[in-house]
Amino acid sequence: MIHSITLLPSGVAFQADDALPILLAAQQAGLRIPSSCRNGTCRTCMCRVVSGTVRYEIEWPGLSAEEKRDGYILPCVAHASSDLVIEEPRARQID
């Protein structure tokens, strides 16, 4: 299923297939979100969901229970399960 993802504060939106991690979907849409490990351990890509839901295909995505409760996600391993609004001020267009 395809979901719409909007990045704040830029307001840039892109489409993401729920089979892809959000980070990869953003890259395919020409956007760069800071990342390093791409397996949920380094936390470089950590950002916050303002609205919507995600799912993980790994058992432990490297977030504390408090971070999850506060809406933080790791887009390198998170998959959109609804339309999303994500707070990620470091996102940039790929040149």
PDB file of N, CA and C in Angstrom:
ATOM      1  N   MET A   1       0.837  -1.169   0.000  1.00  0.00           N
ATOM      2  CA  MET A   1       0.000   0.000   0.000  1.00  0.00           C
ATOM      3  C   MET A   1       0.890   1.243   0.000  1.00  0.00           C
ATOM      4  N   ILE A   2       0.437   2.280  -0.676  1.00  0.00           N
ATOM      5  CA  ILE A   2       1.184   3.524  -0.780  1.00  0.00           C
ATOM      6  C   ILE A   2       0.635   4.544   0.225  1.00  0.00           C
ATOM      7  N   HIS A   3       1.557   5.207   0.924  1.00  0.00           N
ATOM      8  CA  HIS A   3       1.180   6.226   1.907  1.00  0.00           C
ATOM      9  C   HIS A   3       1.894   7.530   1.570  1.00  0.00           C
ATOM     10  N   SER A   4       1.281   8.637   1.960  1.00  0.00           N
ATOM     11  CA  SER A   4       1.875   9.952   1.791  1.00  0.00           C
ATOM     12  C   SER A   4       2.635  10.313   3.072  1.00  0.00           C
ATOM     13  N   ILE A   5       3.860  10.811   2.900  1.00  0.00           N
ATOM     14  CA  ILE A   5       4.676  11.231   4.040  1.00  0.00           C
ATOM     15  C   ILE A   5       5.053  12.690   3.834  1.00  0.00           C
ATOM     16  N   THR A   6       4.759  13.507   4.825  1.00  0.00           N
ATOM     17  CA  THR A   6       5.086  14.930   4.783  1.00  0.00           C
ATOM     18  C   THR A   6       6.146  15.211   5.833  1.00  0.00           C
ATOM     19  N   LEU A   7       7.194  15.921   5.424  1.00  0.00           N
ATOM     20  CA  LEU A   7       8.280  16.288   6.327  1.00  0.00           C
ATOM     21  C   LEU A   7       8.103  17.722   6.793  1.00  0.00           C
ATOM     22  N   LEU A   8       8.249  17.929   8.090  1.00  0.00           N
ATOM     23  CA  LEU A   8       8.192  19.273   8.664  1.00  0.00           C
ATOM     24  C   LEU A   8       9.583  19.678   9.114  1.00  0.00           C
ATOM     25  N   PRO A   9       9.959  20.900   9.052  1.00  0.00           N
ATOM     26  CA  PRO A   9       9.118  22.055   8.766  1.00  0.00           C
ATOM     27  C   PRO A   9       8.998  22.401   7.289  1.00  0.00           C
ATOM     28  N   SER A  10       9.677  21.678   6.395  1.00  0.00           N
ATOM     29  CA  SER A  10       9.707  22.054   4.979  1.00  0.00           C
ATOM     30  C   SER A  10       8.361  21.899   4.282  1.00  0.00           C
ATOM     31  N   GLY A  11       7.543  20.946   4.728  1.00  0.00           N
ATOM     32  CA  GLY A  11       6.275  20.687   4.058  1.00  0.00           C
ATOM     33  C   GLY A  11       6.415  19.816   2.823  1.00  0.00           C
ATOM     34  N   VAL A  12       7.628  19.360   2.531  1.00  0.00           N
ATOM     35  CA  VAL A  12       7.854  18.485   1.379  1.00  0.00           C
ATOM     36  C   VAL A  12       7.160  17.154   1.638  1.00  0.00           C
ATOM     37  N   ALA A  13       6.456  16.659   0.628  1.00  0.00           N
ATOM     38  CA  ALA A  13       5.747  15.386   0.758  1.00  0.00           C
ATOM     39  C   ALA A  13       6.232  14.419  -0.313  1.00  0.00           C
ATOM     40  N   PHE A  14       6.176  13.142   0.007  1.00  0.00           N
ATOM     41  CA  PHE A  14       6.532  12.101  -0.952  1.00  0.00           C
ATOM     42  C   PHE A  14       5.671  10.873  -0.681  1.00  0.00           C
ATOM     43  N   GLN A  15       5.662   9.971  -1.636  1.00  0.00           N
ATOM     44  CA  GLN A  15       4.892   8.739  -1.519  1.00  0.00           C
ATOM     45  C   GLN A  15       5.825   7.617  -1.072  1.00  0.00           C
ATOM     46  N   ALA A  16       5.309   6.731  -0.241  1.00  0.00           N
ATOM     47  CA  ALA A  16       6.114   5.611   0.259  1.00  0.00           C
ATOM     48  C   ALA A  16       5.308   4.327   0.196  1.00  0.00           C
ATOM     49  N   ASP A  17       5.881   3.320  -0.438  1.00  0.00           N
ATOM     50  CA  ASP A  17       5.303   1.988  -0.427  1.00  0.00           C
ATOM     51  C   ASP A  17       5.571   1.391   0.945  1.00  0.00           C
ATOM     52  N   ASP A  18       4.565   0.800   1.574  1.00  0.00           N
ATOM     53  CA  ASP A  18       4.760   0.278   2.929  1.00  0.00           C
ATOM     54  C   ASP A  18       5.721  -0.902   2.989  1.00  0.00           C
ATOM     55  N   ALA A  19       6.154  -1.411   1.842  1.00  0.00           N
ATOM     56  CA  ALA A  19       7.146  -2.485   1.815  1.00  0.00           C
ATOM     57  C   ALA A  19       8.565  -1.949   1.998  1.00  0.00           C
ATOM     58  N   LEU A  20       8.737  -0.629   1.861  1.00  0.00           N
ATOM     59  CA  LEU A  20      10.065  -0.018   1.967  1.00  0.00           C
ATOM     60  C   LEU A  20      10.219   0.727   3.285  1.00  0.00           C
ATOM     61  N   PRO A  21      11.421   0.722   3.861  1.00  0.00           N
ATOM     62  CA  PRO A  21      11.665   1.604   5.007  1.00  0.00           C
ATOM     63  C   PRO A  21      11.485   3.059   4.565  1.00  0.00           C
ATOM     64  N   ILE A  22      11.063   3.901   5.473  1.00  0.00           N
ATOM     65  CA  ILE A  22      10.802   5.304   5.171  1.00  0.00           C
ATOM     66  C   ILE A  22      12.052   5.984   4.613  1.00  0.00           C
ATOM     67  N   LEU A  23      13.214   5.683   5.157  1.00  0.00           N
ATOM     68  CA  LEU A  23      14.464   6.292   4.691  1.00  0.00           C
ATOM     69  C   LEU A  23      14.695   5.985   3.216  1.00  0.00           C
ATOM     70  N   LEU A  24      14.513   4.745   2.803  1.00  0.00           N
ATOM     71  CA  LEU A  24      14.708   4.360   1.407  1.00  0.00           C
ATOM     72  C   LEU A  24      13.667   5.024   0.509  1.00  0.00           C
ATOM     73  N   ALA A  25      12.422   5.089   0.955  1.00  0.00           N
ATOM     74  CA  ALA A  25      11.375   5.751   0.173  1.00  0.00           C
ATOM     75  C   ALA A  25      11.710   7.230  -0.017  1.00  0.00           C
ATOM     76  N   ALA A  26      12.239   7.874   1.026  1.00  0.00           N
ATOM     77  CA  ALA A  26      12.634   9.280   0.918  1.00  0.00           C
ATOM     78  C   ALA A  26      13.756   9.438  -0.103  1.00  0.00           C
ATOM     79  N   GLN A  27      14.740   8.551  -0.069  1.00  0.00           N
ATOM     80  CA  GLN A  27      15.845   8.621  -1.018  1.00  0.00           C
ATOM     81  C   GLN A  27      15.349   8.432  -2.443  1.00  0.00           C
ATOM     82  N   GLN A  28      14.428   7.517  -2.652  1.00  0.00           N
ATOM     83  CA  GLN A  28      13.875   7.300  -3.985  1.00  0.00           C
ATOM     84  C   GLN A  28      13.099   8.516  -4.473  1.00  0.00           C
ATOM     85  N   ALA A  29      12.598   9.323  -3.536  1.00  0.00           N
ATOM     86  CA  ALA A  29      11.874  10.544  -3.877  1.00  0.00           C
ATOM     87  C   ALA A  29      12.818  11.743  -4.012  1.00  0.00           C
ATOM     88  N   GLY A  30      14.123  11.513  -3.903  1.00  0.00           N
ATOM     89  CA  GLY A  30      15.094  12.585  -4.064  1.00  0.00           C
ATOM     90  C   GLY A  30      15.384  13.379  -2.811  1.00  0.00           C
ATOM     91  N   LEU A  31      15.133  12.762  -1.645  1.00  0.00           N
ATOM     92  CA  LEU A  31      15.362  13.439  -0.372  1.00  0.00           C
ATOM     93  C   LEU A  31      16.433  12.723   0.434  1.00  0.00           C
ATOM     94  N   ARG A  32      17.198  13.499   1.174  1.00  0.00           N
ATOM     95  CA  ARG A  32      18.245  12.940   2.035  1.00  0.00           C
ATOM     96  C   ARG A  32      17.885  13.206   3.483  1.00  0.00           C
ATOM     97  N   ILE A  33      17.775  12.137   4.248  1.00  0.00           N
ATOM     98  CA  ILE A  33      17.609  12.221   5.694  1.00  0.00           C
ATOM     99  C   ILE A  33      18.904  11.682   6.283  1.00  0.00           C
ATOM    100  N   PRO A  34      19.541  12.397   7.213  1.00  0.00           N
ATOM    101  CA  PRO A  34      20.800  11.912   7.769  1.00  0.00           C
ATOM    102  C   PRO A  34      20.662  10.461   8.261  1.00  0.00           C
ATOM    103  N   SER A  35      21.658   9.647   7.921  1.00  0.00           N
ATOM    104  CA  SER A  35      21.646   8.241   8.337  1.00  0.00           C
ATOM    105  C   SER A  35      23.070   7.719   8.344  1.00  0.00           C
ATOM    106  N   SER A  36      23.242   6.575   8.964  1.00  0.00           N
ATOM    107  CA  SER A  36      24.568   5.970   9.003  1.00  0.00           C
ATOM    108  C   SER A  36      24.456   4.458   8.858  1.00  0.00           C
ATOM    109  N   CYS A  37      23.938   3.781   9.874  1.00  0.00           N
ATOM    110  CA  CYS A  37      23.983   2.317   9.889  1.00  0.00           C
ATOM    111  C   CYS A  37      22.923   1.654   9.011  1.00  0.00           C
ATOM    112  N   ARG A  38      21.750   2.234   8.932  1.00  0.00           N
ATOM    113  CA  ARG A  38      20.609   1.696   8.180  1.00  0.00           C
ATOM    114  C   ARG A  38      20.069   0.382   8.732  1.00  0.00           C
ATOM    115  N   ASN A  39      20.369   0.082   9.999  1.00  0.00           N
ATOM    116  CA  ASN A  39      19.823  -1.144  10.596  1.00  0.00           C
ATOM    117  C   ASN A  39      19.219  -0.901  11.978  1.00  0.00           C
ATOM    118  N   GLY A  40      19.001   0.362  12.339  1.00  0.00           N
ATOM    119  CA  GLY A  40      18.308   0.688  13.574  1.00  0.00           C
ATOM    120  C   GLY A  40      19.156   0.749  14.828  1.00  0.00           C
ATOM    121  N   THR A  41      20.479   0.814  14.685  1.00  0.00           N
ATOM    122  CA  THR A  41      21.315   0.835  15.889  1.00  0.00           C
ATOM    123  C   THR A  41      22.001   2.166  16.150  1.00  0.00           C
ATOM    124  N   CYS A  42      22.379   2.921  15.127  1.00  0.00           N
ATOM    125  CA  CYS A  42      23.177   4.134  15.365  1.00  0.00           C
ATOM    126  C   CYS A  42      22.334   5.339  15.786  1.00  0.00           C
ATOM    127  N   ARG A  43      21.069   5.361  15.419  1.00  0.00           N
ATOM    128  CA  ARG A  43      20.119   6.400  15.800  1.00  0.00           C
ATOM    129  C   ARG A  43      20.354   7.737  15.100  1.00  0.00           C
ATOM    130  N   THR A  44      21.223   7.785  14.098  1.00  0.00           N
ATOM    131  CA  THR A  44      21.483   9.025  13.364  1.00  0.00           C
ATOM    132  C   THR A  44      20.214   9.569  12.712  1.00  0.00           C
ATOM    133  N   CYS A  45      19.359   8.703  12.229  1.00  0.00           N
ATOM    134  CA  CYS A  45      18.159   9.127  11.497  1.00  0.00           C
ATOM    135  C   CYS A  45      16.955   9.394  12.396  1.00  0.00           C
ATOM    136  N   MET A  46      17.088   9.243  13.700  1.00  0.00           N
ATOM    137  CA  MET A  46      15.943   9.370  14.607  1.00  0.00           C
ATOM    138  C   MET A  46      15.206  10.695  14.395  1.00  0.00           C
ATOM    139  N   CYS A  47      13.900  10.596  14.245  1.00  0.00           N
ATOM    140  CA  CYS A  47      13.050  11.771  14.092  1.00  0.00           C
ATOM    141  C   CYS A  47      11.706  11.464  14.753  1.00  0.00           C
ATOM    142  N   ARG A  48      10.788  12.449  14.741  1.00  0.00           N
ATOM    143  CA  ARG A  48       9.538  12.293  15.484  1.00  0.00           C
ATOM    144  C   ARG A  48       8.338  12.315  14.557  1.00  0.00           C
ATOM    145  N   VAL A  49       7.412  11.389  14.789  1.00  0.00           N
ATOM    146  CA  VAL A  49       6.150  11.357  14.055  1.00  0.00           C
ATOM    147  C   VAL A  49       5.177  12.317  14.730  1.00  0.00           C
ATOM    148  N   VAL A  50       4.630  13.236  13.948  1.00  0.00           N
ATOM    149  CA  VAL A  50       3.631  14.180  14.437  1.00  0.00           C
ATOM    150  C   VAL A  50       2.246  13.541  14.337  1.00  0.00           C
ATOM    151  N   SER A  51       2.010  12.832  13.226  1.00  0.00           N
ATOM    152  CA  SER A  51       0.747  12.101  13.072  1.00  0.00           C
ATOM    153  C   SER A  51       0.963  10.899  12.174  1.00  0.00           C
ATOM    154  N   GLY A  52       0.176   9.857  12.423  1.00  0.00           N
ATOM    155  CA  GLY A  52       0.273   8.623  11.654  1.00  0.00           C
ATOM    156  C   GLY A  52       0.951   7.528  12.454  1.00  0.00           C
ATOM    157  N   THR A  53       1.081   6.365  11.819  1.00  0.00           N
ATOM    158  CA  THR A  53       1.672   5.208  12.491  1.00  0.00           C
ATOM    159  C   THR A  53       2.695   4.515  11.603  1.00  0.00           C
ATOM    160  N   VAL A  54       3.647   3.863  12.275  1.00  0.00           N
ATOM    161  CA  VAL A  54       4.664   3.078  11.583  1.00  0.00           C
ATOM    162  C   VAL A  54       4.694   1.678  12.176  1.00  0.00           C
ATOM    163  N   ARG A  55       5.353   0.779  11.466  1.00  0.00           N
ATOM    164  CA  ARG A  55       5.599  -0.570  11.968  1.00  0.00           C
ATOM    165  C   ARG A  55       7.065  -0.896  11.702  1.00  0.00           C
ATOM    166  N   TYR A  56       7.561  -1.867  12.453  1.00  0.00           N
ATOM    167  CA  TYR A  56       8.947  -2.315  12.291  1.00  0.00           C
ATOM    168  C   TYR A  56       8.961  -3.786  11.927  1.00  0.00           C
ATOM    169  N   GLU A  57       9.908  -4.169  11.070  1.00  0.00           N
ATOM    170  CA  GLU A  57      10.076  -5.572  10.732  1.00  0.00           C
ATOM    171  C   GLU A  57      11.200  -6.215  11.524  1.00  0.00           C
ATOM    172  N   ILE A  58      11.825  -5.438  12.420  1.00  0.00           N
ATOM    173  CA  ILE A  58      12.836  -5.982  13.317  1.00  0.00           C
ATOM    174  C   ILE A  58      12.270  -5.931  14.727  1.00  0.00           C
ATOM    175  N   GLU A  59      12.729  -6.829  15.579  1.00  0.00           N
ATOM    176  CA  GLU A  59      12.168  -6.930  16.923  1.00  0.00           C
ATOM    177  C   GLU A  59      12.486  -5.719  17.794  1.00  0.00           C
ATOM    178  N   TRP A  60      13.716  -5.221  17.749  1.00  0.00           N
ATOM    179  CA  TRP A  60      14.092  -4.100  18.610  1.00  0.00           C
ATOM    180  C   TRP A  60      14.735  -3.016  17.762  1.00  0.00           C
ATOM    181  N   PRO A  61      14.021  -1.928  17.499  1.00  0.00           N
ATOM    182  CA  PRO A  61      14.554  -0.909  16.596  1.00  0.00           C
ATOM    183  C   PRO A  61      15.478   0.123  17.232  1.00  0.00           C
ATOM    184  N   GLY A  62      16.027  -0.110  18.408  1.00  0.00           N
ATOM    185  CA  GLY A  62      16.999   0.812  18.986  1.00  0.00           C
ATOM    186  C   GLY A  62      16.420   2.053  19.622  1.00  0.00           C
ATOM    187  N   LEU A  63      15.162   2.008  20.034  1.00  0.00           N
ATOM    188  CA  LEU A  63      14.525   3.128  20.726  1.00  0.00           C
ATOM    189  C   LEU A  63      14.092   2.694  22.112  1.00  0.00           C
ATOM    190  N   SER A  64      14.178   3.603  23.049  1.00  0.00           N
ATOM    191  CA  SER A  64      13.690   3.294  24.396  1.00  0.00           C
ATOM    192  C   SER A  64      12.157   3.342  24.398  1.00  0.00           C
ATOM    193  N   ALA A  65      11.560   2.777  25.413  1.00  0.00           N
ATOM    194  CA  ALA A  65      10.102   2.815  25.547  1.00  0.00           C
ATOM    195  C   ALA A  65       9.619   4.262  25.627  1.00  0.00           C
ATOM    196  N   GLU A  66      10.375   5.112  26.295  1.00  0.00           N
ATOM    197  CA  GLU A  66      10.007   6.523  26.416  1.00  0.00           C
ATOM    198  C   GLU A  66      10.068   7.227  25.064  1.00  0.00           C
ATOM    199  N   GLU A  67      11.105   6.942  24.284  1.00  0.00           N
ATOM    200  CA  GLU A  67      11.221   7.548  22.957  1.00  0.00           C
ATOM    201  C   GLU A  67      10.062   7.108  22.061  1.00  0.00           C
ATOM    202  N   LYS A  68       9.736   5.836  22.098  1.00  0.00           N
ATOM    203  CA  LYS A  68       8.589   5.347  21.317  1.00  0.00           C
ATOM    204  C   LYS A  68       7.315   6.051  21.763  1.00  0.00           C
ATOM    205  N   ARG A  69       7.111   6.155  23.056  1.00  0.00           N
ATOM    206  CA  ARG A  69       5.919   6.820  23.591  1.00  0.00           C
ATOM    207  C   ARG A  69       5.843   8.265  23.128  1.00  0.00           C
ATOM    208  N   ASP A  70       6.994   8.937  23.034  1.00  0.00           N
ATOM    209  CA  ASP A  70       7.041  10.332  22.632  1.00  0.00           C
ATOM    210  C   ASP A  70       6.998  10.522  21.112  1.00  0.00           C
ATOM    211  N   GLY A  71       6.855   9.422  20.363  1.00  0.00           N
ATOM    212  CA  GLY A  71       6.669   9.510  18.917  1.00  0.00           C
ATOM    213  C   GLY A  71       7.922   9.413  18.080  1.00  0.00           C
ATOM    214  N   TYR A  72       9.058   9.093  18.695  1.00  0.00           N
ATOM    215  CA  TYR A  72      10.291   8.985  17.923  1.00  0.00           C
ATOM    216  C   TYR A  72      10.335   7.673  17.146  1.00  0.00           C
ATOM    217  N   ILE A  73      10.915   7.753  15.941  1.00  0.00           N
ATOM    218  CA  ILE A  73      11.066   6.580  15.076  1.00  0.00           C
ATOM    219  C   ILE A  73      12.472   6.564  14.492  1.00  0.00           C
ATOM    220  N   LEU A  74      12.831   5.429  13.945  1.00  0.00           N
ATOM    221  CA  LEU A  74      14.063   5.289  13.175  1.00  0.00           C
ATOM    222  C   LEU A  74      13.641   4.973  11.743  1.00  0.00           C
ATOM    223  N   PRO A  75      13.628   5.969  10.850  1.00  0.00           N
ATOM    224  CA  PRO A  75      13.121   5.752   9.498  1.00  0.00           C
ATOM    225  C   PRO A  75      13.942   4.771   8.665  1.00  0.00           C
ATOM    226  N   CYS A  76      15.141   4.429   9.113  1.00  0.00           N
ATOM    227  CA  CYS A  76      15.931   3.440   8.367  1.00  0.00           C
ATOM    228  C   CYS A  76      15.313   2.044   8.458  1.00  0.00           C
ATOM    229  N   VAL A  77      14.530   1.802   9.515  1.00  0.00           N
ATOM    230  CA  VAL A  77      13.903   0.487   9.692  1.00  0.00           C
ATOM    231  C   VAL A  77      12.390   0.573   9.914  1.00  0.00           C
ATOM    232  N   ALA A  78      11.831   1.798   9.930  1.00  0.00           N
ATOM    233  CA  ALA A  78      10.389   1.980  10.120  1.00  0.00           C
ATOM    234  C   ALA A  78       9.698   1.989   8.760  1.00  0.00           C
ATOM    235  N   HIS A  79       8.540   1.362   8.704  1.00  0.00           N
ATOM    236  CA  HIS A  79       7.711   1.328   7.499  1.00  0.00           C
ATOM    237  C   HIS A  79       6.419   2.080   7.802  1.00  0.00           C
ATOM    238  N   ALA A  80       5.966   2.906   6.872  1.00  0.00           N
ATOM    239  CA  ALA A  80       4.704   3.622   7.061  1.00  0.00           C
ATOM    240  C   ALA A  80       3.557   2.620   7.067  1.00  0.00           C
ATOM    241  N   SER A  81       2.664   2.749   8.030  1.00  0.00           N
ATOM    242  CA  SER A  81       1.453   1.924   8.025  1.00  0.00           C
ATOM    243  C   SER A  81       0.213   2.815   7.896  1.00  0.00           C
ATOM    244  N   SER A  82       0.439   4.119   7.684  1.00  0.00           N
ATOM    245  CA  SER A  82      -0.624   5.089   7.397  1.00  0.00           C
ATOM    246  C   SER A  82       0.062   6.294   6.767  1.00  0.00           C
ATOM    247  N   ASP A  83      -0.708   7.287   6.349  1.00  0.00           N
ATOM    248  CA  ASP A  83      -0.101   8.548   5.958  1.00  0.00           C
ATOM    249  C   ASP A  83       0.604   9.107   7.195  1.00  0.00           C
ATOM    250  N   LEU A  84       1.726   9.799   6.979  1.00  0.00           N
ATOM    251  CA  LEU A  84       2.543  10.285   8.096  1.00  0.00           C
ATOM    252  C   LEU A  84       2.890  11.754   7.938  1.00  0.00           C
ATOM    253  N   VAL A  85       3.031  12.413   9.057  1.00  0.00           N
ATOM    254  CA  VAL A  85       3.678  13.719   9.133  1.00  0.00           C
ATOM    255  C   VAL A  85       4.844  13.516  10.094  1.00  0.00           C
ATOM    256  N   ILE A  86       6.049  13.814   9.616  1.00  0.00           N
ATOM    257  CA  ILE A  86       7.270  13.579  10.384  1.00  0.00           C
ATOM    258  C   ILE A  86       8.016  14.888  10.567  1.00  0.00           C
ATOM    259  N   GLU A  87       8.449  15.153  11.783  1.00  0.00           N
ATOM    260  CA  GLU A  87       9.279  16.315  12.074  1.00  0.00           C
ATOM    261  C   GLU A  87      10.738  15.923  11.839  1.00  0.00           C
ATOM    262  N   GLU A  88      11.317  16.465  10.755  1.00  0.00           N
ATOM    263  CA  GLU A  88      12.707  16.169  10.410  1.00  0.00           C
ATOM    264  C   GLU A  88      13.319  17.379   9.712  1.00  0.00           C
ATOM    265  N   PRO A  89      13.806  18.357  10.502  1.00  0.00           N
ATOM    266  CA  PRO A  89      14.345  19.584   9.913  1.00  0.00           C
ATOM    267  C   PRO A  89      15.652  19.398   9.152  1.00  0.00           C
ATOM    268  N   ARG A  90      16.305  18.240   9.308  1.00  0.00           N
ATOM    269  CA  ARG A  90      17.590  18.013   8.623  1.00  0.00           C
ATOM    270  C   ARG A  90      17.422  17.466   7.213  1.00  0.00           C
ATOM    271  N   ALA A  91      16.206  17.143   6.793  1.00  0.00           N
ATOM    272  CA  ALA A  91      15.970  16.572   5.456  1.00  0.00           C
ATOM    273  C   ALA A  91      16.320  17.592   4.375  1.00  0.00           C
ATOM    274  N   ARG A  92      16.939  17.117   3.320  1.00  0.00           N
ATOM    275  CA  ARG A  92      17.355  17.977   2.200  1.00  0.00           C
ATOM    276  C   ARG A  92      17.068  17.281   0.877  1.00  0.00           C
ATOM    277  N   GLN A  93      16.858  18.090  -0.158  1.00  0.00           N
ATOM    278  CA  GLN A  93      16.762  17.575  -1.516  1.00  0.00           C
ATOM    279  C   GLN A  93      18.134  17.051  -1.919  1.00  0.00           C
ATOM    280  N   ILE A  94      18.177  15.933  -2.620  1.00  0.00           N
ATOM    281  CA  ILE A  94      19.434  15.407  -3.151  1.00  0.00           C
ATOM    282  C   ILE A  94      19.748  16.186  -4.425  1.00  0.00           C
ATOM    283  N   ASP A  95      20.954  16.719  -4.510  1.00  0.00           N
ATOM    284  CA  ASP A  95      21.357  17.511  -5.695  1.00  0.00           C
ATOM    285  C   ASP A  95      21.616  16.647  -6.892  1.00  0.00           C
TER     286      ASP A  95
END
